Amino acid sequence: MPDGRTVAGRTTIPDAVPSTTTAPTQTFDRTRDTISLQWSRVAGARSYQVFIRSTAGSYSLFADTSVVLPGTLQVLDNGEDVFERRLSHQLAVIAVDENYFDYYSRTSDFFTATGLVIHLDGGIGVFGSVVTVATRTIVVK
């Protein structure tokens, strides 16, 4: 740190080959379809983050080795639709280590670090590892 303090941490990189294939595209009717995903367990992964992004925003959740996402899925804190009509959404499944999971899966105050589980000595933040294990493009009708 600039003031001379030392921050130390360790991470375990999930033992997966990063997904480098072109994301398959799936056309999706949000009023009647669901997305079902399954993936293999990865050594060193504490959990898996399913991340969905479009020009309208982003949404994520943690899951074990499968997830079912209804087309009518909404963001809990504001009730907005996750899958917006006429948009293309990028979906990624990311294997995350214990540090990343503990830091981002908790409800906490990021300004005071209250409620955070931190695996660092001498600092506040996260030093974690992630590996993308699957991707998909979702085109919503």
C-alpha atoms as a PDB file:
ATOM      1  CA  MET A   1       0.000   0.000   0.000  1.00  0.00           C
ATOM      2  CA  PRO A   2       1.168   3.604  -0.489  1.00  0.00           C
ATOM      3  CA  ASP A   3       1.379   4.059   3.297  1.00  0.00           C
ATOM      4  CA  GLY A   4       3.746   1.082   3.680  1.00  0.00           C
ATOM      5  CA  ARG A   5       1.209  -1.494   4.869  1.00  0.00           C
ATOM      6  CA  THR A   6       1.286  -4.948   3.333  1.00  0.00           C
ATOM      7  CA  VAL A   7      -1.873  -6.727   2.176  1.00  0.00           C
ATOM      8  CA  ALA A   8      -1.582 -10.490   1.702  1.00  0.00           C
ATOM      9  CA  GLY A   9      -3.965 -13.048   0.297  1.00  0.00           C
ATOM     10  CA  ARG A  10      -4.124 -16.453  -1.364  1.00  0.00           C
ATOM     11  CA  THR A  11      -6.463 -17.834  -3.970  1.00  0.00           C
ATOM     12  CA  THR A  12      -7.234 -21.188  -5.545  1.00  0.00           C
ATOM     13  CA  ILE A  13      -7.728 -21.038  -9.301  1.00  0.00           C
ATOM     14  CA  PRO A  14     -10.601 -23.356 -10.308  1.00  0.00           C
ATOM     15  CA  ASP A  15      -9.135 -26.243 -12.324  1.00  0.00           C
ATOM     16  CA  ALA A  16     -11.082 -25.776 -15.547  1.00  0.00           C
ATOM     17  CA  VAL A  17     -10.124 -25.128 -19.124  1.00  0.00           C
ATOM     18  CA  PRO A  18     -11.566 -21.687 -19.908  1.00  0.00           C
ATOM     19  CA  SER A  19     -14.392 -21.714 -22.420  1.00  0.00           C
ATOM     20  CA  THR A  20     -13.028 -20.431 -25.722  1.00  0.00           C
ATOM     21  CA  THR A  21     -15.673 -21.744 -28.099  1.00  0.00           C
ATOM     22  CA  THR A  22     -18.061 -19.392 -29.839  1.00  0.00           C
ATOM     23  CA  ALA A  23     -21.135 -18.989 -27.683  1.00  0.00           C
ATOM     24  CA  PRO A  24     -24.076 -20.901 -29.143  1.00  0.00           C
ATOM     25  CA  THR A  25     -27.106 -18.728 -29.892  1.00  0.00           C
ATOM     26  CA  GLN A  26     -30.535 -19.637 -28.584  1.00  0.00           C
ATOM     27  CA  THR A  27     -33.760 -17.881 -29.597  1.00  0.00           C
ATOM     28  CA  PHE A  28     -36.009 -17.467 -26.605  1.00  0.00           C
ATOM     29  CA  ASP A  29     -39.664 -16.532 -26.077  1.00  0.00           C
ATOM     30  CA  ARG A  30     -39.686 -14.973 -22.627  1.00  0.00           C
ATOM     31  CA  THR A  31     -43.427 -15.600 -22.158  1.00  0.00           C
ATOM     32  CA  ARG A  32     -43.189 -19.391 -22.390  1.00  0.00           C
ATOM     33  CA  ASP A  33     -39.554 -20.608 -22.469  1.00  0.00           C
ATOM     34  CA  THR A  34     -37.021 -21.412 -19.775  1.00  0.00           C
ATOM     35  CA  ILE A  35     -33.274 -21.823 -19.947  1.00  0.00           C
ATOM     36  CA  SER A  36     -31.964 -25.015 -18.356  1.00  0.00           C
ATOM     37  CA  LEU A  37     -28.214 -25.302 -17.881  1.00  0.00           C
ATOM     38  CA  GLN A  38     -26.044 -28.014 -16.361  1.00  0.00           C
ATOM     39  CA  TRP A  39     -22.281 -28.164 -16.058  1.00  0.00           C
ATOM     40  CA  SER A  40     -19.665 -30.428 -14.544  1.00  0.00           C
ATOM     41  CA  ARG A  41     -18.217 -29.759 -11.115  1.00  0.00           C
ATOM     42  CA  VAL A  42     -14.787 -28.085 -11.235  1.00  0.00           C
ATOM     43  CA  ALA A  43     -12.042 -28.871  -8.711  1.00  0.00           C
ATOM     44  CA  GLY A  44     -11.164 -25.748  -6.717  1.00  0.00           C
ATOM     45  CA  ALA A  45     -14.510 -24.051  -7.382  1.00  0.00           C
ATOM     46  CA  ARG A  46     -16.597 -23.121  -4.345  1.00  0.00           C
ATOM     47  CA  SER A  47     -19.621 -22.219  -6.460  1.00  0.00           C
ATOM     48  CA  TYR A  48     -20.656 -21.039  -9.914  1.00  0.00           C
ATOM     49  CA  GLN A  49     -21.877 -17.592 -10.864  1.00  0.00           C
ATOM     50  CA  VAL A  50     -24.424 -17.384 -13.654  1.00  0.00           C
ATOM     51  CA  PHE A  51     -24.084 -13.928 -15.177  1.00  0.00           C
ATOM     52  CA  ILE A  52     -26.510 -12.427 -17.730  1.00  0.00           C
ATOM     53  CA  ARG A  53     -25.758  -9.151 -19.507  1.00  0.00           C
ATOM     54  CA  SER A  54     -27.503  -7.071 -22.160  1.00  0.00           C
ATOM     55  CA  THR A  55     -27.645  -3.397 -23.093  1.00  0.00           C
ATOM     56  CA  ALA A  56     -30.528  -3.103 -20.586  1.00  0.00           C
ATOM     57  CA  GLY A  57     -28.412  -4.229 -17.616  1.00  0.00           C
ATOM     58  CA  SER A  58     -26.985  -7.250 -15.873  1.00  0.00           C
ATOM     59  CA  TYR A  59     -28.093  -9.946 -13.449  1.00  0.00           C
ATOM     60  CA  SER A  60     -26.245 -12.698 -11.622  1.00  0.00           C
ATOM     61  CA  LEU A  61     -26.841 -15.511  -9.210  1.00  0.00           C
ATOM     62  CA  PHE A  62     -24.824 -18.282  -7.615  1.00  0.00           C
ATOM     63  CA  ALA A  63     -25.697 -21.923  -8.271  1.00  0.00           C
ATOM     64  CA  ASP A  64     -24.234 -25.381  -7.772  1.00  0.00           C
ATOM     65  CA  THR A  65     -24.042 -27.344 -11.049  1.00  0.00           C
ATOM     66  CA  SER A  66     -27.352 -26.499 -12.684  1.00  0.00           C
ATOM     67  CA  VAL A  67     -29.879 -23.718 -12.989  1.00  0.00           C
ATOM     68  CA  VAL A  68     -33.322 -23.189 -14.524  1.00  0.00           C
ATOM     69  CA  LEU A  69     -34.114 -19.597 -15.517  1.00  0.00           C
ATOM     70  CA  PRO A  70     -37.716 -18.749 -16.447  1.00  0.00           C
ATOM     71  CA  GLY A  71     -38.246 -16.211 -19.197  1.00  0.00           C
ATOM     72  CA  THR A  72     -40.229 -14.120 -16.732  1.00  0.00           C
ATOM     73  CA  LEU A  73     -37.280 -13.859 -14.294  1.00  0.00           C
ATOM     74  CA  GLN A  74     -37.150 -10.463 -12.577  1.00  0.00           C
ATOM     75  CA  VAL A  75     -34.524  -8.594 -10.588  1.00  0.00           C
ATOM     76  CA  LEU A  76     -35.491  -8.834  -6.898  1.00  0.00           C
ATOM     77  CA  ASP A  77     -34.689  -5.295  -5.796  1.00  0.00           C
ATOM     78  CA  ASN A  78     -36.459  -3.424  -8.614  1.00  0.00           C
ATOM     79  CA  GLY A  79     -38.786  -5.900 -10.357  1.00  0.00           C
ATOM     80  CA  GLU A  80     -37.296  -5.298 -13.809  1.00  0.00           C
ATOM     81  CA  ASP A  81     -37.264  -8.123 -16.336  1.00  0.00           C
ATOM     82  CA  VAL A  82     -33.924  -9.886 -16.727  1.00  0.00           C
ATOM     83  CA  PHE A  83     -34.692 -11.007 -20.286  1.00  0.00           C
ATOM     84  CA  GLU A  84     -35.746  -7.908 -22.227  1.00  0.00           C
ATOM     85  CA  ARG A  85     -37.694  -8.350 -25.453  1.00  0.00           C
ATOM     86  CA  ARG A  86     -35.845  -7.753 -28.749  1.00  0.00           C
ATOM     87  CA  LEU A  87     -32.419  -7.771 -27.081  1.00  0.00           C
ATOM     88  CA  SER A  88     -29.476 -10.122 -27.264  1.00  0.00           C
ATOM     89  CA  HIS A  89     -28.236 -11.318 -23.847  1.00  0.00           C
ATOM     90  CA  GLN A  90     -24.820 -12.776 -23.086  1.00  0.00           C
ATOM     91  CA  LEU A  91     -24.908 -15.554 -20.497  1.00  0.00           C
ATOM     92  CA  ALA A  92     -21.816 -16.953 -18.790  1.00  0.00           C
ATOM     93  CA  VAL A  93     -21.277 -19.669 -16.193  1.00  0.00           C
ATOM     94  CA  ILE A  94     -18.207 -18.852 -14.137  1.00  0.00           C
ATOM     95  CA  ALA A  95     -16.449 -21.191 -11.678  1.00  0.00           C
ATOM     96  CA  VAL A  96     -15.470 -19.078  -8.642  1.00  0.00           C
ATOM     97  CA  ASP A  97     -13.130 -19.785  -5.751  1.00  0.00           C
ATOM     98  CA  GLU A  98     -14.046 -19.527  -2.060  1.00  0.00           C
ATOM     99  CA  ASN A  99     -12.702 -15.967  -1.712  1.00  0.00           C
ATOM    100  CA  TYR A 100     -14.805 -14.613  -4.578  1.00  0.00           C
ATOM    101  CA  PHE A 101     -17.906 -16.488  -3.419  1.00  0.00           C
ATOM    102  CA  ASP A 102     -17.594 -15.387   0.208  1.00  0.00           C
ATOM    103  CA  TYR A 103     -17.084 -11.744  -0.786  1.00  0.00           C
ATOM    104  CA  TYR A 104     -19.806 -11.420  -3.442  1.00  0.00           C
ATOM    105  CA  SER A 105     -22.504 -13.793  -2.180  1.00  0.00           C
ATOM    106  CA  ARG A 106     -23.133 -11.883   1.049  1.00  0.00           C
ATOM    107  CA  THR A 107     -25.375  -8.922   1.678  1.00  0.00           C
ATOM    108  CA  SER A 108     -23.061  -6.286   3.053  1.00  0.00           C
ATOM    109  CA  ASP A 109     -22.097  -2.644   3.207  1.00  0.00           C
ATOM    110  CA  PHE A 110     -19.175  -2.225   0.789  1.00  0.00           C
ATOM    111  CA  PHE A 111     -18.219   1.144   2.329  1.00  0.00           C
ATOM    112  CA  THR A 112     -17.734  -0.118   5.893  1.00  0.00           C
ATOM    113  CA  ALA A 113     -17.059  -3.803   5.060  1.00  0.00           C
ATOM    114  CA  THR A 114     -19.773  -4.776   7.559  1.00  0.00           C
ATOM    115  CA  GLY A 115     -20.980  -8.286   6.758  1.00  0.00           C
ATOM    116  CA  LEU A 116     -18.175  -9.075   4.351  1.00  0.00           C
ATOM    117  CA  VAL A 117     -16.174 -12.268   4.634  1.00  0.00           C
ATOM    118  CA  ILE A 118     -12.659 -11.213   3.684  1.00  0.00           C
ATOM    119  CA  HIS A 119      -9.753 -13.595   3.139  1.00  0.00           C
ATOM    120  CA  LEU A 120      -7.065 -10.888   3.177  1.00  0.00           C
ATOM    121  CA  ASP A 121      -4.574  -9.991   5.856  1.00  0.00           C
ATOM    122  CA  GLY A 122      -4.151  -6.247   6.280  1.00  0.00           C
ATOM    123  CA  GLY A 123      -6.799  -5.019   3.877  1.00  0.00           C
ATOM    124  CA  ILE A 124     -10.409  -4.962   2.730  1.00  0.00           C
ATOM    125  CA  GLY A 125     -11.395  -6.324  -0.655  1.00  0.00           C
ATOM    126  CA  VAL A 126     -11.239  -9.552  -2.569  1.00  0.00           C
ATOM    127  CA  PHE A 127      -8.377 -11.508  -4.054  1.00  0.00           C
ATOM    128  CA  GLY A 128     -10.108 -14.370  -5.807  1.00  0.00           C
ATOM    129  CA  SER A 129     -10.071 -16.461  -8.956  1.00  0.00           C
ATOM    130  CA  VAL A 130     -12.683 -17.168 -11.606  1.00  0.00           C
ATOM    131  CA  VAL A 131     -12.780 -19.252 -14.792  1.00  0.00           C
ATOM    132  CA  THR A 132     -15.541 -19.042 -17.414  1.00  0.00           C
ATOM    133  CA  VAL A 133     -16.745 -22.585 -18.090  1.00  0.00           C
ATOM    134  CA  ALA A 134     -19.663 -21.957 -20.484  1.00  0.00           C
ATOM    135  CA  THR A 135     -21.196 -19.144 -22.521  1.00  0.00           C
ATOM    136  CA  ARG A 136     -24.337 -18.689 -24.518  1.00  0.00           C
ATOM    137  CA  THR A 137     -26.083 -15.908 -26.432  1.00  0.00           C
ATOM    138  CA  ILE A 138     -29.810 -15.586 -25.790  1.00  0.00           C
ATOM    139  CA  VAL A 139     -31.896 -13.680 -28.351  1.00  0.00           C
ATOM    140  CA  VAL A 140     -35.247 -12.772 -26.808  1.00  0.00           C
ATOM    141  CA  LYS A 141     -38.366 -12.544 -28.959  1.00  0.00           C
END
